[in-house]
Amino acid sequence: DGVINSNRHILQINQIMDCIKKCDSLAEIPKLLLMQACRGSNTPLSASEYKTDSVLDKIPAEADLLRFFATVEGYVAYRSDSMGSLFIQSLCECVEKHDREDILSIFTRVNDKVSNIKGLVQMSKLDMT
């Protein structure tokens, strides 16, 4: 799943996930991973996502993890040189304004805010296990 450029280092998201999976002290503890990065170079006209259902015999290593990406896989994430990331700006505004709400409600507000920025098409992505 894409790469993250951070401090001029290229890091696969899978590498981050592997570190989380290997850390026994994080088992059965909710984890939150915010990803502010492009996930490709496509500019969206529309996006959809399909999920599959499966039956698990045990709790997967990825359990209790919430990941919030600035954009869906394959698309750019916008930022302003003067104002910074639209995703992070929206996240901060929603946390400050709705600090008494649960995290999923706040993230839903962020998703709505990011997807309705005038003149731009960007959709943040939230997934959880």
N, C-alpha and C. Protein backbone atom coordinates (compact mmCIF):
# COMPACT_ATOMS: atom_id res chain seq x y z
N ASP A 1 0.84 -1.18 0.00
CA ASP A 1 0.00 0.00 0.00
C ASP A 1 0.88 1.24 0.00
N GLY A 2 1.19 1.76 -1.13
CA GLY A 2 1.90 3.02 -1.29
C GLY A 2 3.14 3.20 -0.44
N VAL A 3 3.75 4.37 -0.56
CA VAL A 3 4.92 4.73 0.24
C VAL A 3 4.67 6.08 0.89
N ILE A 4 5.34 6.29 1.98
CA ILE A 4 5.27 7.57 2.67
C ILE A 4 6.64 8.21 2.58
N ASN A 5 6.72 9.44 2.11
CA ASN A 5 7.98 10.17 2.09
C ASN A 5 8.05 11.02 3.34
N SER A 6 9.01 10.72 4.19
CA SER A 6 9.15 11.44 5.44
C SER A 6 10.63 11.71 5.67
N ASN A 7 10.97 12.98 5.81
CA ASN A 7 12.37 13.35 6.01
C ASN A 7 13.29 12.74 4.96
N ARG A 8 12.81 12.73 3.75
CA ARG A 8 13.56 12.21 2.59
C ARG A 8 13.81 10.70 2.65
N HIS A 9 13.05 9.99 3.49
CA HIS A 9 13.13 8.54 3.54
C HIS A 9 11.87 7.95 2.93
N ILE A 10 12.02 6.87 2.21
CA ILE A 10 10.86 6.19 1.65
C ILE A 10 10.56 4.99 2.54
N LEU A 11 9.33 4.91 3.00
CA LEU A 11 8.92 3.87 3.92
C LEU A 11 7.60 3.28 3.46
N GLN A 12 7.56 1.97 3.29
CA GLN A 12 6.33 1.30 2.92
C GLN A 12 5.39 1.28 4.11
N ILE A 13 4.11 1.50 3.89
CA ILE A 13 3.13 1.43 4.96
C ILE A 13 3.17 0.04 5.59
N ASN A 14 3.45 -0.97 4.78
CA ASN A 14 3.56 -2.34 5.31
C ASN A 14 4.65 -2.44 6.37
N GLN A 15 5.74 -1.66 6.21
CA GLN A 15 6.81 -1.68 7.21
C GLN A 15 6.31 -1.13 8.55
N ILE A 16 5.51 -0.09 8.50
CA ILE A 16 4.93 0.47 9.72
C ILE A 16 4.02 -0.56 10.37
N MET A 17 3.19 -1.19 9.55
CA MET A 17 2.26 -2.19 10.05
C MET A 17 3.01 -3.37 10.67
N ASP A 18 4.09 -3.79 10.03
CA ASP A 18 4.89 -4.90 10.56
C ASP A 18 5.44 -4.56 11.95
N CYS A 19 5.92 -3.33 12.12
CA CYS A 19 6.43 -2.91 13.43
C CYS A 19 5.32 -2.96 14.48
N ILE A 20 4.15 -2.49 14.12
CA ILE A 20 3.01 -2.51 15.05
C ILE A 20 2.64 -3.95 15.40
N LYS A 21 2.60 -4.82 14.39
CA LYS A 21 2.23 -6.23 14.62
C LYS A 21 3.22 -6.94 15.52
N LYS A 22 4.50 -6.59 15.42
CA LYS A 22 5.55 -7.27 16.19
C LYS A 22 5.62 -6.79 17.64
N CYS A 23 4.99 -5.69 17.95
CA CYS A 23 5.07 -5.13 19.30
C CYS A 23 3.99 -5.75 20.18
N ASP A 24 4.37 -6.76 20.94
CA ASP A 24 3.42 -7.48 21.80
C ASP A 24 2.73 -6.57 22.81
N SER A 25 3.41 -5.54 23.25
CA SER A 25 2.81 -4.65 24.25
C SER A 25 1.64 -3.83 23.67
N LEU A 26 1.49 -3.82 22.35
CA LEU A 26 0.37 -3.11 21.73
C LEU A 26 -0.82 -4.02 21.43
N ALA A 27 -0.68 -5.31 21.71
CA ALA A 27 -1.78 -6.26 21.44
C ALA A 27 -3.00 -5.87 22.26
N GLU A 28 -4.15 -5.94 21.64
CA GLU A 28 -5.44 -5.66 22.27
C GLU A 28 -5.56 -4.24 22.83
N ILE A 29 -4.75 -3.33 22.30
CA ILE A 29 -4.82 -1.92 22.67
C ILE A 29 -5.18 -1.15 21.41
N PRO A 30 -6.17 -0.27 21.48
CA PRO A 30 -6.52 0.52 20.29
C PRO A 30 -5.33 1.36 19.83
N LYS A 31 -5.14 1.40 18.53
CA LYS A 31 -4.04 2.15 17.94
C LYS A 31 -4.61 3.07 16.87
N LEU A 32 -4.05 4.25 16.73
CA LEU A 32 -4.50 5.23 15.75
C LEU A 32 -3.30 5.63 14.90
N LEU A 33 -3.44 5.46 13.60
CA LEU A 33 -2.38 5.78 12.67
C LEU A 33 -2.92 6.81 11.67
N LEU A 34 -2.41 8.04 11.70
CA LEU A 34 -2.83 9.08 10.77
C LEU A 34 -1.81 9.16 9.64
N MET A 35 -2.28 9.09 8.42
CA MET A 35 -1.39 9.11 7.27
C MET A 35 -1.65 10.36 6.43
N GLN A 36 -0.74 11.33 6.50
CA GLN A 36 -0.82 12.51 5.66
C GLN A 36 0.18 12.34 4.54
N ALA A 37 -0.30 11.80 3.41
CA ALA A 37 0.58 11.55 2.27
C ALA A 37 -0.25 11.25 1.05
N CYS A 38 0.28 11.59 -0.11
CA CYS A 38 -0.37 11.16 -1.35
C CYS A 38 -0.28 9.65 -1.42
N ARG A 39 -1.21 9.04 -2.13
CA ARG A 39 -1.19 7.59 -2.29
C ARG A 39 -1.15 7.24 -3.77
N GLY A 40 -0.71 8.18 -4.58
CA GLY A 40 -0.62 7.99 -6.03
C GLY A 40 -0.66 9.35 -6.69
N SER A 41 -0.85 9.37 -8.00
CA SER A 41 -0.85 10.64 -8.73
C SER A 41 -2.17 10.94 -9.41
N ASN A 42 -3.15 10.08 -9.26
CA ASN A 42 -4.45 10.30 -9.89
C ASN A 42 -5.21 11.42 -9.20
N THR A 43 -5.92 12.21 -9.97
CA THR A 43 -6.83 13.21 -9.45
C THR A 43 -8.23 12.65 -9.61
N PRO A 44 -8.99 12.52 -8.54
CA PRO A 44 -10.26 11.80 -8.60
C PRO A 44 -11.38 12.56 -9.29
N LEU A 45 -12.18 11.81 -10.03
CA LEU A 45 -13.46 12.29 -10.49
C LEU A 45 -14.52 11.70 -9.57
N SER A 46 -14.31 10.44 -9.21
CA SER A 46 -15.14 9.78 -8.21
C SER A 46 -14.34 8.59 -7.69
N ALA A 47 -14.66 8.15 -6.51
CA ALA A 47 -13.95 7.01 -5.94
C ALA A 47 -14.94 6.12 -5.20
N SER A 48 -14.71 4.82 -5.26
CA SER A 48 -15.53 3.89 -4.49
C SER A 48 -14.63 2.80 -3.95
N GLU A 49 -15.09 2.15 -2.91
CA GLU A 49 -14.30 1.11 -2.26
C GLU A 49 -15.19 -0.08 -1.97
N TYR A 50 -14.66 -1.27 -2.20
CA TYR A 50 -15.39 -2.49 -1.91
C TYR A 50 -14.63 -3.27 -0.86
N LYS A 51 -15.37 -3.88 0.05
CA LYS A 51 -14.75 -4.67 1.10
C LYS A 51 -15.25 -6.10 0.99
N THR A 52 -14.47 -7.03 1.52
CA THR A 52 -14.90 -8.42 1.58
C THR A 52 -15.07 -8.83 3.03
N ASP A 53 -15.92 -9.82 3.25
CA ASP A 53 -16.13 -10.36 4.59
C ASP A 53 -15.46 -11.71 4.68
N SER A 54 -14.88 -12.01 5.82
CA SER A 54 -14.29 -13.32 6.03
C SER A 54 -14.44 -13.70 7.49
N VAL A 55 -14.38 -14.99 7.75
CA VAL A 55 -14.49 -15.48 9.12
C VAL A 55 -13.08 -15.75 9.63
N LEU A 56 -12.77 -15.22 10.82
CA LEU A 56 -11.43 -15.38 11.39
C LEU A 56 -11.49 -16.32 12.59
N ASP A 57 -10.49 -17.20 12.72
CA ASP A 57 -10.42 -18.12 13.84
C ASP A 57 -9.77 -17.48 15.07
N LYS A 58 -8.99 -16.42 14.87
CA LYS A 58 -8.32 -15.75 15.98
C LYS A 58 -8.26 -14.26 15.69
N ILE A 59 -7.90 -13.50 16.70
CA ILE A 59 -7.78 -12.05 16.51
C ILE A 59 -6.53 -11.77 15.68
N PRO A 60 -6.68 -11.07 14.55
CA PRO A 60 -5.50 -10.79 13.72
C PRO A 60 -4.57 -9.78 14.38
N ALA A 61 -3.32 -9.79 13.95
CA ALA A 61 -2.32 -8.85 14.49
C ALA A 61 -2.72 -7.40 14.20
N GLU A 62 -3.53 -7.20 13.17
CA GLU A 62 -3.95 -5.84 12.81
C GLU A 62 -5.16 -5.37 13.61
N ALA A 63 -5.62 -6.16 14.59
CA ALA A 63 -6.81 -5.81 15.36
C ALA A 63 -6.60 -4.53 16.16
N ASP A 64 -7.71 -3.86 16.44
CA ASP A 64 -7.70 -2.65 17.27
C ASP A 64 -6.84 -1.54 16.68
N LEU A 65 -6.90 -1.41 15.38
CA LEU A 65 -6.11 -0.38 14.70
C LEU A 65 -7.03 0.47 13.84
N LEU A 66 -6.92 1.77 14.00
CA LEU A 66 -7.68 2.71 13.21
C LEU A 66 -6.68 3.52 12.39
N ARG A 67 -6.83 3.50 11.08
CA ARG A 67 -5.93 4.25 10.20
C ARG A 67 -6.75 5.31 9.47
N PHE A 68 -6.23 6.52 9.44
CA PHE A 68 -6.92 7.63 8.78
C PHE A 68 -5.95 8.24 7.78
N PHE A 69 -6.23 8.08 6.51
CA PHE A 69 -5.38 8.57 5.44
C PHE A 69 -5.91 9.89 4.90
N ALA A 70 -5.03 10.76 4.45
CA ALA A 70 -5.43 12.03 3.87
C ALA A 70 -6.22 11.83 2.58
N THR A 71 -5.99 10.71 1.90
CA THR A 71 -6.67 10.45 0.63
C THR A 71 -6.76 8.96 0.38
N VAL A 72 -7.57 8.58 -0.58
CA VAL A 72 -7.70 7.17 -0.92
C VAL A 72 -6.48 6.74 -1.74
N GLU A 73 -6.23 5.44 -1.76
CA GLU A 73 -5.06 4.90 -2.45
C GLU A 73 -5.07 5.30 -3.92
N GLY A 74 -3.91 5.73 -4.39
CA GLY A 74 -3.74 6.08 -5.80
C GLY A 74 -3.94 7.56 -6.12
N TYR A 75 -4.31 8.37 -5.12
CA TYR A 75 -4.63 9.77 -5.37
C TYR A 75 -3.76 10.71 -4.56
N VAL A 76 -3.72 11.97 -4.99
CA VAL A 76 -2.90 12.99 -4.33
C VAL A 76 -3.59 13.50 -3.08
N ALA A 77 -2.79 14.06 -2.16
CA ALA A 77 -3.29 14.77 -0.98
C ALA A 77 -2.79 16.21 -1.11
N TYR A 78 -3.71 17.15 -1.06
CA TYR A 78 -3.36 18.55 -1.27
C TYR A 78 -2.85 19.22 0.01
N ARG A 79 -1.93 20.18 -0.20
CA ARG A 79 -1.47 21.03 0.90
C ARG A 79 -1.09 22.37 0.31
N SER A 80 -1.15 23.35 1.13
CA SER A 80 -0.80 24.72 0.75
C SER A 80 0.56 25.05 1.35
N ASP A 81 1.40 25.74 0.59
CA ASP A 81 2.71 26.14 1.12
C ASP A 81 2.55 27.05 2.35
N SER A 82 1.51 27.86 2.37
CA SER A 82 1.33 28.78 3.49
C SER A 82 0.47 28.21 4.61
N MET A 83 -0.51 27.35 4.27
CA MET A 83 -1.46 26.85 5.28
C MET A 83 -1.20 25.40 5.68
N GLY A 84 -0.43 24.67 4.90
CA GLY A 84 -0.15 23.27 5.22
C GLY A 84 -1.18 22.31 4.65
N SER A 85 -1.24 21.14 5.22
CA SER A 85 -2.10 20.06 4.75
C SER A 85 -3.58 20.35 5.00
N LEU A 86 -4.40 20.19 3.95
CA LEU A 86 -5.84 20.39 4.10
C LEU A 86 -6.43 19.35 5.05
N PHE A 87 -5.91 18.14 4.99
CA PHE A 87 -6.37 17.05 5.85
C PHE A 87 -6.07 17.36 7.32
N ILE A 88 -4.83 17.72 7.62
CA ILE A 88 -4.43 18.01 8.99
C ILE A 88 -5.13 19.27 9.51
N GLN A 89 -5.30 20.29 8.64
CA GLN A 89 -6.04 21.48 9.04
C GLN A 89 -7.47 21.11 9.45
N SER A 90 -8.11 20.30 8.62
CA SER A 90 -9.49 19.89 8.89
C SER A 90 -9.56 19.07 10.17
N LEU A 91 -8.59 18.17 10.35
CA LEU A 91 -8.55 17.34 11.55
C LEU A 91 -8.43 18.21 12.81
N CYS A 92 -7.50 19.15 12.79
CA CYS A 92 -7.29 20.03 13.94
C CYS A 92 -8.54 20.87 14.24
N GLU A 93 -9.14 21.42 13.20
CA GLU A 93 -10.35 22.23 13.38
C GLU A 93 -11.48 21.40 13.99
N CYS A 94 -11.67 20.19 13.50
CA CYS A 94 -12.75 19.34 14.00
C CYS A 94 -12.50 18.88 15.43
N VAL A 95 -11.25 18.57 15.75
CA VAL A 95 -10.91 18.16 17.12
C VAL A 95 -11.15 19.32 18.09
N GLU A 96 -10.73 20.53 17.69
CA GLU A 96 -10.92 21.69 18.55
C GLU A 96 -12.39 22.03 18.74
N LYS A 97 -13.15 21.96 17.66
CA LYS A 97 -14.56 22.37 17.71
C LYS A 97 -15.47 21.30 18.33
N HIS A 98 -15.11 20.03 18.18
CA HIS A 98 -15.99 18.94 18.63
C HIS A 98 -15.25 18.01 19.60
N ASP A 99 -14.47 18.59 20.49
CA ASP A 99 -13.60 17.81 21.37
C ASP A 99 -14.35 16.89 22.34
N ARG A 100 -15.63 17.05 22.50
CA ARG A 100 -16.40 16.19 23.40
C ARG A 100 -17.05 15.02 22.67
N GLU A 101 -16.88 14.96 21.36
CA GLU A 101 -17.44 13.86 20.57
C GLU A 101 -16.46 12.69 20.53
N ASP A 102 -16.99 11.50 20.21
CA ASP A 102 -16.12 10.34 20.05
C ASP A 102 -15.28 10.49 18.78
N ILE A 103 -14.18 9.77 18.73
CA ILE A 103 -13.20 9.93 17.64
C ILE A 103 -13.78 9.61 16.27
N LEU A 104 -14.67 8.60 16.17
CA LEU A 104 -15.26 8.27 14.87
C LEU A 104 -16.17 9.38 14.36
N SER A 105 -16.90 10.02 15.26
CA SER A 105 -17.75 11.15 14.85
C SER A 105 -16.88 12.31 14.36
N ILE A 106 -15.78 12.56 15.06
CA ILE A 106 -14.86 13.62 14.64
C ILE A 106 -14.28 13.29 13.27
N PHE A 107 -13.84 12.05 13.09
CA PHE A 107 -13.26 11.66 11.80
C PHE A 107 -14.28 11.72 10.68
N THR A 108 -15.53 11.42 10.98
CA THR A 108 -16.59 11.55 9.97
C THR A 108 -16.74 13.02 9.57
N ARG A 109 -16.65 13.92 10.53
CA ARG A 109 -16.70 15.35 10.23
C ARG A 109 -15.50 15.77 9.37
N VAL A 110 -14.32 15.23 9.68
CA VAL A 110 -13.12 15.53 8.90
C VAL A 110 -13.32 15.05 7.46
N ASN A 111 -13.80 13.83 7.30
CA ASN A 111 -14.07 13.29 5.96
C ASN A 111 -14.98 14.21 5.17
N ASP A 112 -16.06 14.66 5.80
CA ASP A 112 -17.01 15.54 5.15
C ASP A 112 -16.37 16.87 4.79
N LYS A 113 -15.60 17.41 5.73
CA LYS A 113 -14.95 18.71 5.51
C LYS A 113 -13.94 18.64 4.36
N VAL A 114 -13.10 17.61 4.36
CA VAL A 114 -12.08 17.45 3.31
C VAL A 114 -12.74 17.26 1.95
N SER A 115 -13.81 16.48 1.90
CA SER A 115 -14.45 16.19 0.61
C SER A 115 -15.23 17.38 0.06
N ASN A 116 -15.46 18.39 0.88
CA ASN A 116 -16.23 19.56 0.45
C ASN A 116 -15.41 20.84 0.35
N ILE A 117 -14.09 20.71 0.26
CA ILE A 117 -13.25 21.90 0.10
C ILE A 117 -13.45 22.44 -1.31
N LYS A 118 -13.87 23.68 -1.39
CA LYS A 118 -14.23 24.30 -2.66
C LYS A 118 -13.06 24.31 -3.64
N GLY A 119 -13.31 23.84 -4.84
CA GLY A 119 -12.31 23.88 -5.90
C GLY A 119 -11.36 22.69 -5.95
N LEU A 120 -11.43 21.80 -4.96
CA LEU A 120 -10.55 20.64 -4.92
C LEU A 120 -11.38 19.37 -4.75
N VAL A 121 -10.84 18.29 -5.26
CA VAL A 121 -11.48 16.99 -5.06
C VAL A 121 -10.48 16.11 -4.31
N GLN A 122 -10.80 15.85 -3.06
CA GLN A 122 -9.98 14.98 -2.21
C GLN A 122 -10.89 14.27 -1.24
N MET A 123 -10.67 13.00 -1.01
CA MET A 123 -11.48 12.24 -0.07
C MET A 123 -10.56 11.49 0.86
N SER A 124 -10.62 11.81 2.15
CA SER A 124 -9.83 11.09 3.13
C SER A 124 -10.41 9.69 3.32
N LYS A 125 -9.59 8.78 3.86
CA LYS A 125 -10.03 7.40 4.02
C LYS A 125 -9.75 6.93 5.43
N LEU A 126 -10.79 6.36 6.04
CA LEU A 126 -10.69 5.82 7.39
C LEU A 126 -10.91 4.33 7.30
N ASP A 127 -10.02 3.56 7.89
CA ASP A 127 -10.29 2.12 8.01
C ASP A 127 -9.89 1.65 9.38
N MET A 128 -10.56 0.62 9.83
CA MET A 128 -10.30 0.14 11.18
C MET A 128 -10.53 -1.37 11.27
N THR A 129 -9.90 -1.96 12.25
CA THR A 129 -10.10 -3.37 12.51
C THR A 129 -10.46 -3.54 13.96
